N, C-alpha and C. Protein backbone atom coordinates (compact mmCIF):
# COMPACT_ATOMS: atom_id res chain seq x y z
N MET A 1 0.84 -1.16 0.00
CA MET A 1 0.00 0.00 0.00
C MET A 1 0.90 1.24 0.00
N LEU A 2 0.50 2.24 -0.77
CA LEU A 2 1.25 3.49 -0.82
C LEU A 2 0.76 4.44 0.27
N LEU A 3 1.72 5.07 0.94
CA LEU A 3 1.42 6.05 1.99
C LEU A 3 2.04 7.38 1.60
N LEU A 4 1.30 8.46 1.76
CA LEU A 4 1.87 9.78 1.53
C LEU A 4 2.80 10.13 2.68
N SER A 5 3.87 10.82 2.34
CA SER A 5 4.87 11.17 3.36
C SER A 5 4.27 12.01 4.47
N GLU A 6 3.33 12.88 4.11
CA GLU A 6 2.72 13.76 5.11
C GLU A 6 1.95 12.97 6.17
N THR A 7 1.45 11.78 5.80
CA THR A 7 0.70 10.99 6.77
C THR A 7 1.61 10.32 7.80
N LEU A 8 2.90 10.22 7.49
CA LEU A 8 3.85 9.60 8.43
C LEU A 8 4.50 10.60 9.38
N LEU A 9 4.56 11.86 8.96
CA LEU A 9 5.14 12.88 9.84
C LEU A 9 4.23 13.12 11.05
N ASN A 10 4.84 13.33 12.18
CA ASN A 10 4.14 13.58 13.45
C ASN A 10 3.28 12.39 13.90
N LYS A 11 3.57 11.23 13.35
CA LYS A 11 2.84 10.02 13.74
C LYS A 11 3.49 9.45 15.00
N PRO A 12 2.69 9.05 15.98
CA PRO A 12 3.26 8.48 17.19
C PRO A 12 3.86 7.10 16.94
N ILE A 13 4.91 6.78 17.67
CA ILE A 13 5.51 5.45 17.65
C ILE A 13 5.03 4.75 18.91
N LEU A 14 4.39 3.60 18.72
CA LEU A 14 3.73 2.89 19.82
C LEU A 14 4.46 1.60 20.14
N SER A 15 4.64 1.33 21.41
CA SER A 15 5.31 0.12 21.87
C SER A 15 4.29 -0.98 22.12
N LEU A 16 4.55 -2.17 21.56
CA LEU A 16 3.69 -3.33 21.85
C LEU A 16 3.83 -3.77 23.29
N ARG A 17 5.04 -3.69 23.82
CA ARG A 17 5.30 -4.18 25.18
C ARG A 17 4.57 -3.34 26.24
N THR A 18 4.68 -2.01 26.11
CA THR A 18 4.06 -1.16 27.13
C THR A 18 2.66 -0.70 26.73
N GLY A 19 2.34 -0.78 25.45
CA GLY A 19 1.03 -0.33 24.99
C GLY A 19 0.87 1.18 25.00
N SER A 20 2.00 1.89 24.97
CA SER A 20 1.93 3.35 25.03
C SER A 20 2.82 3.98 23.96
N GLN A 21 2.67 5.30 23.83
CA GLN A 21 3.49 6.05 22.88
C GLN A 21 4.88 6.24 23.46
N ILE A 22 5.91 5.98 22.61
CA ILE A 22 7.28 6.13 23.08
C ILE A 22 8.03 7.26 22.38
N ALA A 23 7.53 7.68 21.21
CA ALA A 23 8.20 8.76 20.47
C ALA A 23 7.25 9.26 19.39
N VAL A 24 7.70 10.29 18.66
CA VAL A 24 6.93 10.86 17.55
C VAL A 24 7.87 11.04 16.36
N VAL A 25 7.42 10.63 15.16
CA VAL A 25 8.22 10.78 13.94
C VAL A 25 8.27 12.26 13.57
N ASN A 26 9.49 12.75 13.26
CA ASN A 26 9.58 14.14 12.83
C ASN A 26 10.35 14.35 11.53
N ASN A 27 10.95 13.28 10.97
CA ASN A 27 11.63 13.42 9.67
C ASN A 27 11.99 12.03 9.15
N TYR A 28 12.54 12.00 7.94
CA TYR A 28 12.89 10.75 7.27
C TYR A 28 14.40 10.64 7.10
N LEU A 29 14.89 9.42 7.11
CA LEU A 29 16.28 9.13 6.77
C LEU A 29 16.22 8.43 5.41
N ILE A 30 16.44 9.21 4.35
CA ILE A 30 16.28 8.72 2.98
C ILE A 30 17.64 8.48 2.35
N ASN A 31 17.78 7.34 1.69
CA ASN A 31 18.97 7.02 0.92
C ASN A 31 18.76 7.55 -0.49
N PRO A 32 19.52 8.59 -0.91
CA PRO A 32 19.31 9.16 -2.25
C PRO A 32 19.80 8.24 -3.38
N ASN A 33 20.59 7.22 -3.06
CA ASN A 33 21.10 6.32 -4.10
C ASN A 33 20.04 5.35 -4.61
N ASN A 34 19.12 4.95 -3.74
CA ASN A 34 18.09 4.01 -4.17
C ASN A 34 16.68 4.47 -3.81
N PHE A 35 16.55 5.67 -3.28
CA PHE A 35 15.26 6.26 -2.90
C PHE A 35 14.50 5.38 -1.91
N LYS A 36 15.20 4.91 -0.91
CA LYS A 36 14.58 4.08 0.11
C LYS A 36 14.62 4.83 1.44
N ILE A 37 13.52 4.73 2.18
CA ILE A 37 13.51 5.29 3.52
C ILE A 37 14.15 4.26 4.43
N GLU A 38 15.35 4.56 4.89
CA GLU A 38 16.09 3.64 5.75
C GLU A 38 15.62 3.71 7.20
N GLY A 39 15.02 4.85 7.54
CA GLY A 39 14.55 5.00 8.90
C GLY A 39 13.81 6.32 9.08
N PHE A 40 13.43 6.57 10.31
CA PHE A 40 12.70 7.78 10.66
C PHE A 40 13.38 8.44 11.85
N TYR A 41 13.60 9.75 11.73
CA TYR A 41 14.05 10.50 12.89
C TYR A 41 12.83 10.68 13.79
N CYS A 42 13.02 10.51 15.07
CA CYS A 42 11.91 10.66 16.00
C CYS A 42 12.40 11.32 17.28
N TYR A 43 11.46 11.84 18.01
CA TYR A 43 11.79 12.51 19.26
C TYR A 43 11.13 11.77 20.41
N ASP A 44 11.95 11.39 21.38
CA ASP A 44 11.47 10.70 22.57
C ASP A 44 11.31 11.74 23.68
N LYS A 45 10.06 12.01 24.07
CA LYS A 45 9.79 13.04 25.08
C LYS A 45 10.26 12.63 26.47
N SER A 46 10.27 11.34 26.76
CA SER A 46 10.65 10.91 28.11
C SER A 46 12.12 11.15 28.41
N ILE A 47 12.99 10.93 27.42
CA ILE A 47 14.42 11.19 27.65
C ILE A 47 14.89 12.46 26.95
N LYS A 48 13.94 13.14 26.28
CA LYS A 48 14.21 14.40 25.59
C LYS A 48 15.42 14.29 24.65
N GLN A 49 15.32 13.34 23.71
CA GLN A 49 16.42 13.08 22.80
C GLN A 49 15.88 12.68 21.42
N SER A 50 16.62 13.10 20.38
CA SER A 50 16.29 12.67 19.02
C SER A 50 16.93 11.32 18.76
N LEU A 51 16.13 10.40 18.26
CA LEU A 51 16.57 9.03 17.99
C LEU A 51 16.18 8.65 16.57
N ILE A 52 16.61 7.47 16.14
CA ILE A 52 16.26 6.97 14.81
C ILE A 52 15.60 5.61 14.95
N LEU A 53 14.48 5.46 14.23
CA LEU A 53 13.79 4.18 14.12
C LEU A 53 14.09 3.64 12.73
N LEU A 54 14.79 2.51 12.64
CA LEU A 54 15.08 1.89 11.35
C LEU A 54 13.84 1.19 10.82
N TYR A 55 13.66 1.20 9.49
CA TYR A 55 12.44 0.67 8.89
C TYR A 55 12.22 -0.81 9.21
N GLN A 56 13.29 -1.60 9.35
CA GLN A 56 13.13 -3.04 9.59
C GLN A 56 12.61 -3.35 11.00
N ASP A 57 12.61 -2.36 11.89
CA ASP A 57 12.10 -2.56 13.24
C ASP A 57 10.61 -2.23 13.37
N ILE A 58 9.99 -1.81 12.27
CA ILE A 58 8.56 -1.48 12.29
C ILE A 58 7.75 -2.76 12.14
N ARG A 59 6.83 -2.97 13.06
CA ARG A 59 5.95 -4.14 13.00
C ARG A 59 4.75 -3.89 12.09
N ASN A 60 4.17 -2.69 12.23
CA ASN A 60 2.98 -2.37 11.46
C ASN A 60 2.78 -0.86 11.48
N ILE A 61 2.06 -0.36 10.47
CA ILE A 61 1.67 1.05 10.44
C ILE A 61 0.15 1.07 10.40
N ILE A 62 -0.45 1.69 11.40
CA ILE A 62 -1.90 1.81 11.48
C ILE A 62 -2.25 3.28 11.61
N ASP A 63 -3.55 3.57 11.58
CA ASP A 63 -3.98 4.97 11.69
C ASP A 63 -3.52 5.63 12.98
N GLN A 64 -3.47 4.87 14.07
CA GLN A 64 -3.09 5.44 15.37
C GLN A 64 -1.60 5.68 15.50
N GLY A 65 -0.77 4.99 14.70
CA GLY A 65 0.66 5.21 14.80
C GLY A 65 1.48 4.08 14.19
N ILE A 66 2.76 4.13 14.44
CA ILE A 66 3.71 3.12 13.96
C ILE A 66 3.99 2.18 15.12
N ILE A 67 3.77 0.90 14.89
CA ILE A 67 3.91 -0.10 15.96
C ILE A 67 5.31 -0.71 15.91
N VAL A 68 5.96 -0.75 17.08
CA VAL A 68 7.28 -1.39 17.23
C VAL A 68 7.21 -2.31 18.45
N ASN A 69 8.20 -3.17 18.60
CA ASN A 69 8.20 -4.08 19.75
C ASN A 69 8.36 -3.34 21.07
N ASP A 70 9.40 -2.50 21.14
CA ASP A 70 9.72 -1.86 22.40
C ASP A 70 10.59 -0.62 22.15
N HIS A 71 10.84 0.11 23.19
CA HIS A 71 11.68 1.31 23.12
C HIS A 71 13.10 0.99 22.66
N ASP A 72 13.54 -0.25 22.87
CA ASP A 72 14.91 -0.65 22.53
C ASP A 72 15.23 -0.54 21.03
N VAL A 73 14.21 -0.49 20.17
CA VAL A 73 14.47 -0.41 18.72
C VAL A 73 14.86 0.99 18.29
N LEU A 74 14.65 1.98 19.14
CA LEU A 74 15.06 3.35 18.83
C LEU A 74 16.54 3.50 19.16
N SER A 75 17.29 4.04 18.18
CA SER A 75 18.75 4.12 18.34
C SER A 75 19.23 5.56 18.26
N SER A 76 20.28 5.82 18.97
CA SER A 76 20.95 7.11 18.87
C SER A 76 21.70 7.15 17.54
N PRO A 77 21.70 8.29 16.84
CA PRO A 77 22.42 8.38 15.58
C PRO A 77 23.91 8.03 15.70
N ASP A 78 24.50 8.23 16.88
CA ASP A 78 25.92 7.96 17.09
C ASP A 78 26.28 6.48 16.92
N ILE A 79 25.36 5.60 17.28
CA ILE A 79 25.70 4.17 17.26
C ILE A 79 25.32 3.48 15.95
N LEU A 80 24.69 4.20 15.03
CA LEU A 80 24.31 3.61 13.75
C LEU A 80 25.46 3.77 12.75
N ILE A 81 26.48 2.97 12.91
CA ILE A 81 27.70 3.06 12.09
C ILE A 81 27.38 2.83 10.61
N ARG A 82 26.55 1.84 10.35
CA ARG A 82 26.23 1.47 8.96
C ARG A 82 25.51 2.61 8.24
N HIS A 83 24.79 3.46 8.96
CA HIS A 83 24.04 4.55 8.36
C HIS A 83 24.70 5.91 8.57
N LYS A 84 25.94 5.90 9.00
CA LYS A 84 26.65 7.15 9.32
C LYS A 84 26.69 8.09 8.12
N ASP A 85 27.01 7.55 6.93
CA ASP A 85 27.08 8.40 5.73
C ASP A 85 25.73 9.03 5.40
N LEU A 86 24.66 8.25 5.51
CA LEU A 86 23.32 8.78 5.22
C LEU A 86 22.93 9.86 6.22
N ILE A 87 23.27 9.66 7.45
CA ILE A 87 22.94 10.64 8.48
C ILE A 87 23.70 11.95 8.21
N GLU A 88 24.96 11.84 7.79
CA GLU A 88 25.76 13.03 7.49
C GLU A 88 25.26 13.76 6.24
N ILE A 89 24.81 12.99 5.24
CA ILE A 89 24.27 13.61 4.01
C ILE A 89 23.05 14.45 4.34
N ASN A 90 22.17 13.91 5.21
CA ASN A 90 20.94 14.59 5.60
C ASN A 90 20.12 14.98 4.36
N PHE A 91 19.87 14.01 3.50
CA PHE A 91 19.13 14.22 2.26
C PHE A 91 17.68 14.58 2.56
N VAL A 92 17.23 15.70 2.01
CA VAL A 92 15.85 16.16 2.18
C VAL A 92 15.18 16.14 0.81
N LEU A 93 14.08 15.43 0.71
CA LEU A 93 13.38 15.28 -0.57
C LEU A 93 12.35 16.39 -0.80
N ILE A 94 11.62 16.77 0.23
CA ILE A 94 10.59 17.81 0.10
C ILE A 94 11.28 19.14 -0.22
N GLY A 95 10.79 19.80 -1.28
CA GLY A 95 11.35 21.09 -1.69
C GLY A 95 12.46 20.98 -2.72
N LYS A 96 12.91 19.77 -3.02
CA LYS A 96 13.99 19.57 -3.99
C LYS A 96 13.49 19.92 -5.40
N PRO A 97 14.24 20.74 -6.17
CA PRO A 97 13.82 21.07 -7.54
C PRO A 97 13.84 19.84 -8.45
N VAL A 98 12.88 19.81 -9.38
CA VAL A 98 12.78 18.72 -10.36
C VAL A 98 12.94 19.33 -11.75
N VAL A 99 13.88 18.78 -12.53
CA VAL A 99 14.11 19.23 -13.90
C VAL A 99 14.15 18.00 -14.81
N THR A 100 13.90 18.25 -16.10
CA THR A 100 13.99 17.15 -17.06
C THR A 100 15.43 17.01 -17.53
N ILE A 101 15.67 15.93 -18.24
CA ILE A 101 17.03 15.68 -18.75
C ILE A 101 17.44 16.75 -19.76
N SER A 102 16.45 17.39 -20.40
CA SER A 102 16.75 18.49 -21.33
C SER A 102 16.73 19.85 -20.62
N LYS A 103 16.85 19.83 -19.28
CA LYS A 103 17.00 21.01 -18.43
C LYS A 103 15.76 21.90 -18.32
N GLU A 104 14.56 21.35 -18.61
CA GLU A 104 13.32 22.10 -18.41
C GLU A 104 12.96 22.05 -16.93
N LYS A 105 12.72 23.21 -16.33
CA LYS A 105 12.34 23.26 -14.92
C LYS A 105 10.88 22.84 -14.78
N ILE A 106 10.64 21.85 -13.95
CA ILE A 106 9.29 21.32 -13.76
C ILE A 106 8.65 21.90 -12.51
N GLY A 107 9.37 21.93 -11.42
CA GLY A 107 8.83 22.43 -10.16
C GLY A 107 9.63 21.90 -8.99
N ARG A 108 8.97 21.79 -7.83
CA ARG A 108 9.62 21.29 -6.62
C ARG A 108 8.78 20.15 -6.02
N VAL A 109 9.48 19.23 -5.37
CA VAL A 109 8.80 18.10 -4.73
C VAL A 109 7.97 18.64 -3.57
N LYS A 110 6.66 18.39 -3.64
CA LYS A 110 5.76 18.82 -2.58
C LYS A 110 5.46 17.67 -1.62
N ASP A 111 5.40 16.45 -2.14
CA ASP A 111 5.09 15.28 -1.34
C ASP A 111 5.60 14.06 -2.09
N PHE A 112 5.60 12.92 -1.43
CA PHE A 112 5.97 11.67 -2.09
C PHE A 112 5.20 10.52 -1.47
N ALA A 113 5.08 9.44 -2.25
CA ALA A 113 4.37 8.25 -1.79
C ALA A 113 5.38 7.13 -1.57
N VAL A 114 5.21 6.41 -0.47
CA VAL A 114 6.12 5.35 -0.05
C VAL A 114 5.35 4.03 -0.01
N ASP A 115 5.98 2.96 -0.50
CA ASP A 115 5.41 1.63 -0.37
C ASP A 115 5.57 1.20 1.08
N SER A 116 4.47 0.87 1.75
CA SER A 116 4.53 0.54 3.18
C SER A 116 5.20 -0.80 3.46
N GLU A 117 5.40 -1.63 2.46
CA GLU A 117 6.06 -2.93 2.66
C GLU A 117 7.58 -2.82 2.48
N THR A 118 8.00 -2.12 1.42
CA THR A 118 9.42 -2.06 1.08
C THR A 118 10.10 -0.77 1.51
N PHE A 119 9.31 0.27 1.77
CA PHE A 119 9.78 1.60 2.15
C PHE A 119 10.56 2.29 1.03
N TYR A 120 10.32 1.90 -0.23
CA TYR A 120 10.87 2.62 -1.37
C TYR A 120 9.93 3.75 -1.74
N VAL A 121 10.50 4.91 -2.09
CA VAL A 121 9.70 6.02 -2.60
C VAL A 121 9.24 5.61 -4.00
N GLN A 122 7.94 5.58 -4.22
CA GLN A 122 7.39 5.14 -5.50
C GLN A 122 6.97 6.29 -6.41
N LYS A 123 6.50 7.37 -5.82
CA LYS A 123 6.03 8.51 -6.61
C LYS A 123 6.45 9.82 -5.94
N LEU A 124 6.72 10.80 -6.79
CA LEU A 124 6.97 12.16 -6.34
C LEU A 124 5.81 13.01 -6.81
N TYR A 125 5.34 13.90 -5.98
CA TYR A 125 4.30 14.85 -6.36
C TYR A 125 4.96 16.22 -6.42
N VAL A 126 4.98 16.77 -7.63
CA VAL A 126 5.73 17.99 -7.91
C VAL A 126 4.76 19.15 -8.08
N SER A 127 4.97 20.20 -7.30
CA SER A 127 4.17 21.42 -7.48
C SER A 127 4.82 22.22 -8.59
N ARG A 128 4.00 22.64 -9.52
CA ARG A 128 4.48 23.36 -10.69
C ARG A 128 4.62 24.85 -10.39
N ALA A 129 5.29 25.55 -11.29
CA ALA A 129 5.39 27.00 -11.17
C ALA A 129 3.99 27.60 -11.27
N ILE A 130 3.80 28.79 -10.78
CA ILE A 130 2.47 29.40 -10.69
C ILE A 130 1.78 29.45 -12.05
N LEU A 131 2.48 29.89 -13.08
CA LEU A 131 1.85 29.99 -14.40
C LEU A 131 1.48 28.62 -14.96
N LYS A 132 2.34 27.62 -14.77
CA LYS A 132 2.06 26.28 -15.28
C LYS A 132 0.98 25.59 -14.46
N SER A 133 0.86 25.94 -13.18
CA SER A 133 -0.12 25.27 -12.33
C SER A 133 -1.55 25.62 -12.71
N PHE A 134 -1.77 26.79 -13.33
CA PHE A 134 -3.12 27.14 -13.76
C PHE A 134 -3.62 26.18 -14.83
N SER A 135 -2.73 25.78 -15.72
CA SER A 135 -3.15 24.91 -16.82
C SER A 135 -3.03 23.43 -16.51
N SER A 136 -2.07 23.02 -15.70
CA SER A 136 -1.86 21.58 -15.52
C SER A 136 -1.87 21.10 -14.07
N GLY A 137 -1.80 21.98 -13.09
CA GLY A 137 -1.85 21.55 -11.69
C GLY A 137 -0.59 20.83 -11.25
N GLN A 138 -0.77 19.88 -10.33
CA GLN A 138 0.35 19.13 -9.77
C GLN A 138 0.73 17.99 -10.70
N LEU A 139 2.01 17.64 -10.70
CA LEU A 139 2.52 16.58 -11.56
C LEU A 139 2.96 15.40 -10.71
N SER A 140 2.60 14.21 -11.14
CA SER A 140 3.01 12.98 -10.45
C SER A 140 4.13 12.34 -11.27
N VAL A 141 5.25 12.04 -10.60
CA VAL A 141 6.41 11.44 -11.26
C VAL A 141 6.64 10.06 -10.65
N ASP A 142 6.62 9.03 -11.49
CA ASP A 142 6.88 7.67 -11.02
C ASP A 142 8.38 7.48 -10.85
N ARG A 143 8.77 6.58 -9.97
CA ARG A 143 10.20 6.34 -9.72
C ARG A 143 10.93 5.87 -10.98
N SER A 144 10.22 5.23 -11.91
CA SER A 144 10.85 4.77 -13.16
C SER A 144 11.24 5.92 -14.07
N GLN A 145 10.67 7.11 -13.87
CA GLN A 145 10.99 8.28 -14.67
C GLN A 145 12.21 9.03 -14.15
N ILE A 146 12.68 8.70 -12.96
CA ILE A 146 13.81 9.41 -12.36
C ILE A 146 15.11 8.91 -12.98
N ILE A 147 15.88 9.83 -13.52
CA ILE A 147 17.15 9.52 -14.17
C ILE A 147 18.31 9.64 -13.18
N GLU A 148 18.33 10.75 -12.42
CA GLU A 148 19.45 11.01 -11.52
C GLU A 148 18.99 11.87 -10.34
N VAL A 149 19.62 11.64 -9.21
CA VAL A 149 19.37 12.45 -8.02
C VAL A 149 20.70 13.05 -7.59
N THR A 150 20.75 14.38 -7.51
CA THR A 150 21.96 15.05 -7.06
C THR A 150 21.67 15.77 -5.74
N ASP A 151 22.67 16.45 -5.22
CA ASP A 151 22.48 17.21 -3.99
C ASP A 151 21.50 18.36 -4.18
N THR A 152 21.46 18.90 -5.39
CA THR A 152 20.68 20.11 -5.61
C THR A 152 19.39 19.90 -6.41
N LYS A 153 19.21 18.75 -7.09
CA LYS A 153 18.01 18.58 -7.91
C LYS A 153 17.76 17.11 -8.23
N ILE A 154 16.57 16.86 -8.77
CA ILE A 154 16.18 15.54 -9.25
C ILE A 154 15.95 15.68 -10.74
N ILE A 155 16.62 14.83 -11.51
CA ILE A 155 16.51 14.87 -12.97
C ILE A 155 15.62 13.72 -13.41
N ILE A 156 14.58 14.06 -14.19
CA ILE A 156 13.65 13.05 -14.68
C ILE A 156 13.68 13.00 -16.20
N ALA A 157 13.06 11.97 -16.77
CA ALA A 157 12.96 11.86 -18.23
C ALA A 157 12.10 13.00 -18.75
N ASP A 158 12.31 13.37 -20.01
CA ASP A 158 11.51 14.43 -20.63
C ASP A 158 10.03 14.04 -20.60
N LEU A 159 9.17 15.01 -20.33
CA LEU A 159 7.75 14.73 -20.18
C LEU A 159 7.11 14.24 -21.48
N GLN A 160 7.53 14.78 -22.62
CA GLN A 160 6.96 14.35 -23.89
C GLN A 160 7.32 12.91 -24.20
N SER A 161 8.55 12.51 -23.91
CA SER A 161 8.96 11.13 -24.21
C SER A 161 8.23 10.14 -23.32
N THR A 162 7.95 10.50 -22.07
CA THR A 162 7.23 9.57 -21.20
C THR A 162 5.76 9.52 -21.58
N ALA A 163 5.21 10.63 -22.07
CA ALA A 163 3.81 10.62 -22.50
C ALA A 163 3.64 9.74 -23.72
N LYS A 164 4.60 9.76 -24.65
CA LYS A 164 4.52 8.91 -25.83
C LYS A 164 4.60 7.44 -25.44
N LEU A 165 5.38 7.11 -24.41
CA LEU A 165 5.49 5.73 -23.97
C LEU A 165 4.20 5.23 -23.35
N ALA A 166 3.43 6.12 -22.75
CA ALA A 166 2.22 5.72 -22.06
C ALA A 166 1.06 5.45 -23.00
N VAL A 167 1.12 5.97 -24.24
CA VAL A 167 0.05 5.78 -25.20
C VAL A 167 0.20 4.42 -25.87
N PRO A 168 -0.85 3.60 -25.91
CA PRO A 168 -0.74 2.30 -26.57
C PRO A 168 -0.44 2.45 -28.06
N LYS A 169 0.24 1.46 -28.63
CA LYS A 169 0.67 1.52 -30.01
C LYS A 169 -0.51 1.65 -30.96
N THR A 170 -1.58 0.92 -30.76
CA THR A 170 -2.73 0.98 -31.66
C THR A 170 -3.35 2.37 -31.65
N ARG A 171 -3.39 3.01 -30.53
CA ARG A 171 -3.96 4.36 -30.43
C ARG A 171 -3.09 5.35 -31.19
N ALA A 172 -1.76 5.23 -31.10
CA ALA A 172 -0.86 6.16 -31.79
C ALA A 172 -1.00 6.01 -33.30
N SER A 173 -1.12 4.80 -33.82
CA SER A 173 -1.24 4.62 -35.26
C SER A 173 -2.59 5.13 -35.75
N PHE A 174 -3.63 5.02 -34.94
CA PHE A 174 -4.95 5.52 -35.29
C PHE A 174 -4.93 7.04 -35.40
N SER A 175 -4.25 7.70 -34.44
CA SER A 175 -4.16 9.16 -34.44
C SER A 175 -3.46 9.69 -35.67
N SER A 176 -2.39 9.02 -36.10
CA SER A 176 -1.64 9.50 -37.24
C SER A 176 -2.41 9.33 -38.54
N SER A 177 -3.26 8.30 -38.65
CA SER A 177 -4.01 8.09 -39.88
C SER A 177 -5.15 9.10 -40.00
N THR A 178 -5.70 9.57 -38.89
CA THR A 178 -6.77 10.56 -38.96
C THR A 178 -6.23 11.93 -39.29
N GLN A 179 -5.00 12.21 -38.99
CA GLN A 179 -4.42 13.51 -39.28
C GLN A 179 -4.10 13.65 -40.77
N SER A 180 -3.84 12.56 -41.46
CA SER A 180 -3.45 12.65 -42.87
C SER A 180 -4.65 12.89 -43.76
N ASN A 181 -5.91 12.69 -43.28
CA ASN A 181 -7.11 12.90 -44.11
C ASN A 181 -7.47 14.31 -44.21
């Protein structure tokens, strides 16, 4: 199931052992190399500390919150050696500019959808420039359209080339024959 990123922010983290809230999600730990959410930054009010919940420690995601076994699954960023580089990069997806491979400016990432089973980012929702938004609104970009992710922008395939791929072959040949008459 796809979940919008906004629905995961400020979501409580609930412990199965104690049956209570142990922390609140406040950001994502995203790997820009494969667009996977490796974990969630969260804040534990009882010890007043920012911790990280790794995606593999999540038991379930429900409307009331994110279910984990116990408080022990929350880790201090200092001890996550394997994720040290990702933590230092501090990759932020929301607000990142989106351009096509031919350098056409599309807009900025407003939201994204995550697969709740694999935690891969599947879709980007791009807010267009004000003038373009009147005619076309928000743009949805599938992960298969993403060519490259850099520190400063996300490069996607040209919009015209992806639109041509989406049209079935029989429909395209029908359109061309009606134009010649």
